[in-house]
Amino acid sequence: TRLPRPEEIFGDGALILDNLELRPETSHNANLGITLSATLDDVGSVDATVTAFLRETANLIVLFSNDIFFNFFNVFGARSLGVEVSGKWTSPEELFTISGNTTYIDLRNTSGDGAFGDFEGDRVPNRPYLFANAAARLQLVETLGEDRISVDWNSRFVGEFFRSWESAGRQDLKQTVSRQIQHSLALTYELALWPNQFTLSTEVQNLSNASIFDFFGVQRPGRAFFAKATMSL
């Protein structure tokens, strides 16, 4: 059981309106996963996981928009079927690491009643159903005494999805959130100053300055640069 959060019931006083009739969300869940791990001296360590899951939900709490304001409503019944595949390889001495995961979620309205009963069988809108992440890391240990230098590359993919119920309106005029691919690059330097440690990190997000959007099609910032310095005492 998941109780509604305050902003889901009362809104935020700005763009999210209140819904005092919002009900708690309840679900029955099942998961089945298989994990394989192996470590070889000459190759490194390999981990792979496959997980399948089922969610049967009553009164699913969903945020809807009319392009001006937002409201949380209950979808009386929803079923989510999905599978996630992930893997990771780490080289000997943890010099190099590659990891990735892919998730497919089929979340559909299963209720023929209520305000959304006409859309029975449709995917719940504003929620991507296919996404993936990949990462690579190069780490140099003890390059200068106890210092560490690491370079991280991250990529994120989100498939195209509808902004409204897929069976409503003309298919050739329906609004969608386009497929998105985003990359980021980070450089971290850890300097051991016994008994303290100093860390300097820089990161470039959305390296290719691609057009990326949130779940409602609102555009997010483009390429951005960040720098952070910390010291543990």
Protein backbone atom coordinates (compact mmCIF):
# COMPACT_ATOMS: atom_id res chain seq x y z
CA THR A 1 0.00 0.00 0.00
CA ARG A 2 1.27 3.47 -0.90
CA LEU A 3 -0.42 6.47 0.68
CA PRO A 4 -0.62 9.62 -1.47
CA ARG A 5 2.02 12.24 -0.76
CA PRO A 6 0.87 15.69 0.44
CA GLU A 7 1.49 17.36 -2.93
CA GLU A 8 -0.49 14.63 -4.68
CA ILE A 9 -3.60 15.38 -2.59
CA PHE A 10 -3.27 19.10 -1.90
CA GLY A 11 -1.20 20.21 -4.90
CA ASP A 12 1.77 22.55 -4.73
CA GLY A 13 -0.06 25.89 -4.84
CA ALA A 14 1.25 26.60 -8.32
CA LEU A 15 1.01 24.16 -11.24
CA ILE A 16 -0.33 21.04 -9.47
CA LEU A 17 -4.00 21.26 -8.47
CA ASP A 18 -5.52 19.46 -5.49
CA ASN A 19 -7.51 16.21 -5.61
CA LEU A 20 -9.04 15.56 -2.19
CA GLU A 21 -10.67 12.32 -3.44
CA LEU A 22 -7.36 10.62 -4.22
CA ARG A 23 -7.21 7.09 -2.83
CA PRO A 24 -4.23 5.03 -1.61
CA GLU A 25 -2.51 2.85 -4.16
CA THR A 26 -2.35 -0.92 -3.49
CA SER A 27 -0.52 -3.59 -5.44
CA HIS A 28 0.46 -7.25 -5.52
CA ASN A 29 3.98 -7.78 -6.83
CA ALA A 30 6.05 -10.71 -8.04
CA ASN A 31 9.72 -10.80 -9.03
CA LEU A 32 11.91 -13.53 -10.48
CA GLY A 33 15.59 -12.94 -11.02
CA ILE A 34 18.69 -14.88 -12.00
CA THR A 35 22.21 -13.64 -11.28
CA LEU A 36 25.43 -15.15 -12.64
CA SER A 37 28.85 -14.14 -11.31
CA ALA A 38 32.32 -15.31 -12.26
CA THR A 39 35.86 -14.21 -11.43
CA LEU A 40 38.88 -15.21 -13.52
CA ASP A 41 42.38 -14.02 -12.69
CA ASP A 42 43.30 -13.21 -16.30
CA VAL A 43 39.95 -11.80 -17.39
CA GLY A 44 38.50 -10.12 -14.33
CA SER A 45 35.01 -10.42 -12.86
CA VAL A 46 31.72 -10.67 -14.75
CA ASP A 47 28.22 -10.22 -13.34
CA ALA A 48 24.95 -10.64 -15.25
CA THR A 49 21.38 -10.39 -13.99
CA VAL A 50 18.01 -11.00 -15.62
CA THR A 51 14.89 -10.00 -13.68
CA ALA A 52 11.23 -10.34 -14.66
CA PHE A 53 8.48 -8.66 -12.66
CA LEU A 54 4.71 -8.32 -12.41
CA ARG A 55 2.74 -5.52 -10.72
CA GLU A 56 -1.05 -5.75 -10.28
CA THR A 57 -2.11 -2.33 -9.01
CA ALA A 58 -5.42 -0.91 -7.84
CA ASN A 59 -5.95 2.87 -7.82
CA LEU A 60 -2.63 3.60 -9.51
CA ILE A 61 -1.73 7.24 -8.80
CA VAL A 62 -0.84 8.98 -12.07
CA LEU A 63 -0.02 12.61 -12.85
CA PHE A 64 -1.94 14.01 -15.84
CA SER A 65 -1.62 17.36 -17.58
CA ASN A 66 -3.84 19.57 -19.74
CA ASP A 67 -0.80 21.60 -20.94
CA ILE A 68 -1.58 24.29 -18.32
CA PHE A 69 -2.08 22.56 -14.97
CA PHE A 70 -1.38 19.12 -13.50
CA ASN A 71 -3.54 16.78 -11.45
CA PHE A 72 -3.00 13.42 -9.78
CA PHE A 73 -5.77 10.88 -10.46
CA ASN A 74 -6.43 7.23 -9.69
CA VAL A 75 -6.43 4.72 -12.53
CA PHE A 76 -8.67 2.04 -11.01
CA GLY A 77 -6.65 -0.92 -12.33
CA ALA A 78 -3.23 -1.31 -13.95
CA ARG A 79 -0.91 -4.19 -14.78
CA SER A 80 2.83 -3.83 -15.28
CA LEU A 81 4.88 -6.58 -16.91
CA GLY A 82 8.57 -6.06 -17.43
CA VAL A 83 12.06 -7.44 -17.73
CA GLU A 84 15.44 -5.95 -16.86
CA VAL A 85 18.80 -7.18 -18.11
CA SER A 86 22.04 -5.86 -16.64
CA GLY A 87 25.70 -6.77 -16.84
CA LYS A 88 29.06 -5.62 -15.56
CA TRP A 89 32.67 -6.47 -16.35
CA THR A 90 35.59 -5.38 -14.17
CA SER A 91 39.16 -5.90 -15.31
CA PRO A 92 41.89 -7.29 -13.05
CA GLU A 93 42.98 -4.77 -10.41
CA GLU A 94 39.79 -2.79 -11.17
CA LEU A 95 41.56 -0.73 -13.81
CA PHE A 96 38.62 -0.72 -16.23
CA THR A 97 34.87 -1.27 -15.71
CA ILE A 98 32.02 -1.54 -18.20
CA SER A 99 28.38 -1.84 -17.15
CA GLY A 100 24.96 -1.52 -18.71
CA ASN A 101 21.30 -2.31 -18.25
CA THR A 102 18.15 -2.35 -20.34
CA THR A 103 14.57 -2.23 -19.03
CA TYR A 104 11.28 -2.88 -20.80
CA ILE A 105 8.03 -2.09 -18.93
CA ASP A 106 4.55 -2.71 -20.31
CA LEU A 107 2.26 -0.72 -17.98
CA ARG A 108 -1.37 -0.83 -19.13
CA ASN A 109 -4.76 0.30 -17.91
CA THR A 110 -6.79 -2.82 -17.03
CA SER A 111 -9.94 -1.13 -15.73
CA GLY A 112 -13.07 -0.61 -17.81
CA ASP A 113 -14.58 1.67 -15.16
CA GLY A 114 -13.94 5.18 -13.91
CA ALA A 115 -12.77 8.29 -15.70
CA PHE A 116 -10.25 6.32 -17.78
CA GLY A 117 -12.41 3.26 -18.52
CA ASP A 118 -12.59 4.13 -22.24
CA PHE A 119 -8.85 3.59 -22.49
CA GLU A 120 -8.78 0.01 -21.20
CA GLY A 121 -5.80 -1.82 -22.68
CA ASP A 122 -3.81 1.35 -23.40
CA ARG A 123 -0.38 2.02 -22.02
CA VAL A 124 -0.44 4.54 -19.17
CA PRO A 125 0.74 7.80 -20.79
CA ASN A 126 3.75 9.94 -19.93
CA ARG A 127 5.76 6.91 -18.86
CA PRO A 128 8.57 5.49 -21.02
CA TYR A 129 8.50 1.75 -21.56
CA LEU A 130 12.00 1.20 -22.98
CA PHE A 131 15.16 2.70 -21.55
CA ALA A 132 18.81 1.76 -21.13
CA ASN A 133 21.99 2.96 -19.48
CA ALA A 134 25.65 2.24 -20.19
CA ALA A 135 28.77 3.29 -18.32
CA ALA A 136 32.53 2.89 -18.64
CA ARG A 137 35.19 3.77 -16.08
CA LEU A 138 38.96 3.97 -16.26
CA GLN A 139 40.67 4.23 -12.88
CA LEU A 140 44.36 4.75 -12.26
CA VAL A 141 45.31 3.84 -8.69
CA GLU A 142 48.45 5.02 -6.90
CA THR A 143 49.61 7.12 -9.81
CA LEU A 144 51.19 9.51 -7.34
CA GLY A 145 51.55 7.70 -4.04
CA GLU A 146 47.99 7.09 -2.81
CA ASP A 147 46.32 9.32 -5.40
CA ARG A 148 43.62 8.20 -7.80
CA ILE A 149 42.48 9.47 -11.18
CA SER A 150 39.29 8.18 -12.78
CA VAL A 151 37.45 8.94 -16.00
CA ASP A 152 33.75 8.05 -16.28
CA TRP A 153 31.57 7.90 -19.38
CA ASN A 154 27.79 7.50 -19.05
CA SER A 155 25.13 7.12 -21.71
CA ARG A 156 21.35 7.11 -21.27
CA PHE A 157 18.65 6.10 -23.75
CA VAL A 158 14.88 6.63 -23.45
CA GLY A 159 12.54 5.38 -26.17
CA GLU A 160 9.68 7.37 -27.66
CA PHE A 161 6.37 7.34 -25.74
CA PHE A 162 2.94 8.97 -25.90
CA ARG A 163 1.96 12.09 -23.96
CA SER A 164 -1.69 11.00 -23.79
CA TRP A 165 -3.75 7.80 -24.08
CA GLU A 166 -2.60 6.00 -27.21
CA SER A 167 -6.12 5.13 -28.47
CA ALA A 168 -7.48 8.69 -28.17
CA GLY A 169 -7.56 10.93 -31.26
CA ARG A 170 -5.89 10.53 -34.64
CA GLN A 171 -2.71 8.47 -34.51
CA ASP A 172 -0.91 10.68 -37.05
CA LEU A 173 -1.51 13.79 -34.91
CA LYS A 174 -0.73 12.40 -31.48
CA GLN A 175 1.89 14.12 -29.35
CA THR A 176 4.88 12.03 -28.35
CA VAL A 177 8.09 12.55 -26.44
CA SER A 178 10.83 11.72 -28.91
CA ARG A 179 13.58 9.17 -28.43
CA GLN A 180 16.43 10.58 -26.38
CA ILE A 181 20.13 9.74 -26.11
CA GLN A 182 22.31 11.59 -23.63
CA HIS A 183 26.03 11.28 -22.81
CA SER A 184 28.13 12.62 -19.97
CA LEU A 185 31.85 12.62 -19.17
CA ALA A 186 33.45 13.08 -15.74
CA LEU A 187 37.04 13.36 -14.50
CA THR A 188 37.83 12.83 -10.82
CA TYR A 189 41.13 13.31 -8.99
CA GLU A 190 41.50 12.04 -5.41
CA LEU A 191 44.52 13.33 -3.51
CA ALA A 192 45.43 11.59 -0.27
CA LEU A 193 46.67 14.12 2.27
CA TRP A 194 46.96 11.95 5.36
CA PRO A 195 44.85 11.90 7.43
CA ASN A 196 42.62 13.93 5.09
CA GLN A 197 41.50 13.35 1.52
CA PHE A 198 40.91 15.99 -1.16
CA THR A 199 38.71 15.28 -4.18
CA LEU A 200 38.30 17.41 -7.28
CA SER A 201 35.77 16.38 -9.92
CA THR A 202 34.60 17.95 -13.17
CA GLU A 203 31.70 16.78 -15.32
CA VAL A 204 30.11 17.62 -18.65
CA GLN A 205 26.46 16.54 -18.87
CA ASN A 206 24.65 16.16 -22.18
CA LEU A 207 27.97 16.19 -23.97
CA SER A 208 26.44 16.28 -27.47
CA ASN A 209 23.94 19.04 -26.49
CA ALA A 210 21.07 16.80 -27.56
CA SER A 211 17.44 17.84 -27.13
CA ILE A 212 16.15 16.06 -24.03
CA PHE A 213 12.76 16.26 -22.33
CA ASP A 214 10.99 15.25 -19.14
CA PHE A 215 8.01 12.86 -19.06
CA PHE A 216 5.61 15.63 -20.13
CA GLY A 217 7.68 16.90 -23.04
CA VAL A 218 9.13 19.92 -21.24
CA GLN A 219 12.63 20.54 -22.55
CA ARG A 220 15.50 20.17 -20.13
CA PRO A 221 18.77 22.15 -20.17
CA GLY A 222 21.33 21.36 -22.82
CA ARG A 223 25.06 20.90 -22.33
CA ALA A 224 26.16 21.80 -18.80
CA PHE A 225 29.51 21.93 -16.98
CA PHE A 226 30.03 21.18 -13.30
CA ALA A 227 32.99 21.27 -10.92
CA LYS A 228 33.12 20.12 -7.31
CA ALA A 229 35.84 20.08 -4.67
CA THR A 230 35.55 18.31 -1.32
CA MET A 231 37.84 17.58 1.59
CA SER A 232 37.25 14.99 4.31
CA LEU A 233 38.60 15.98 7.72
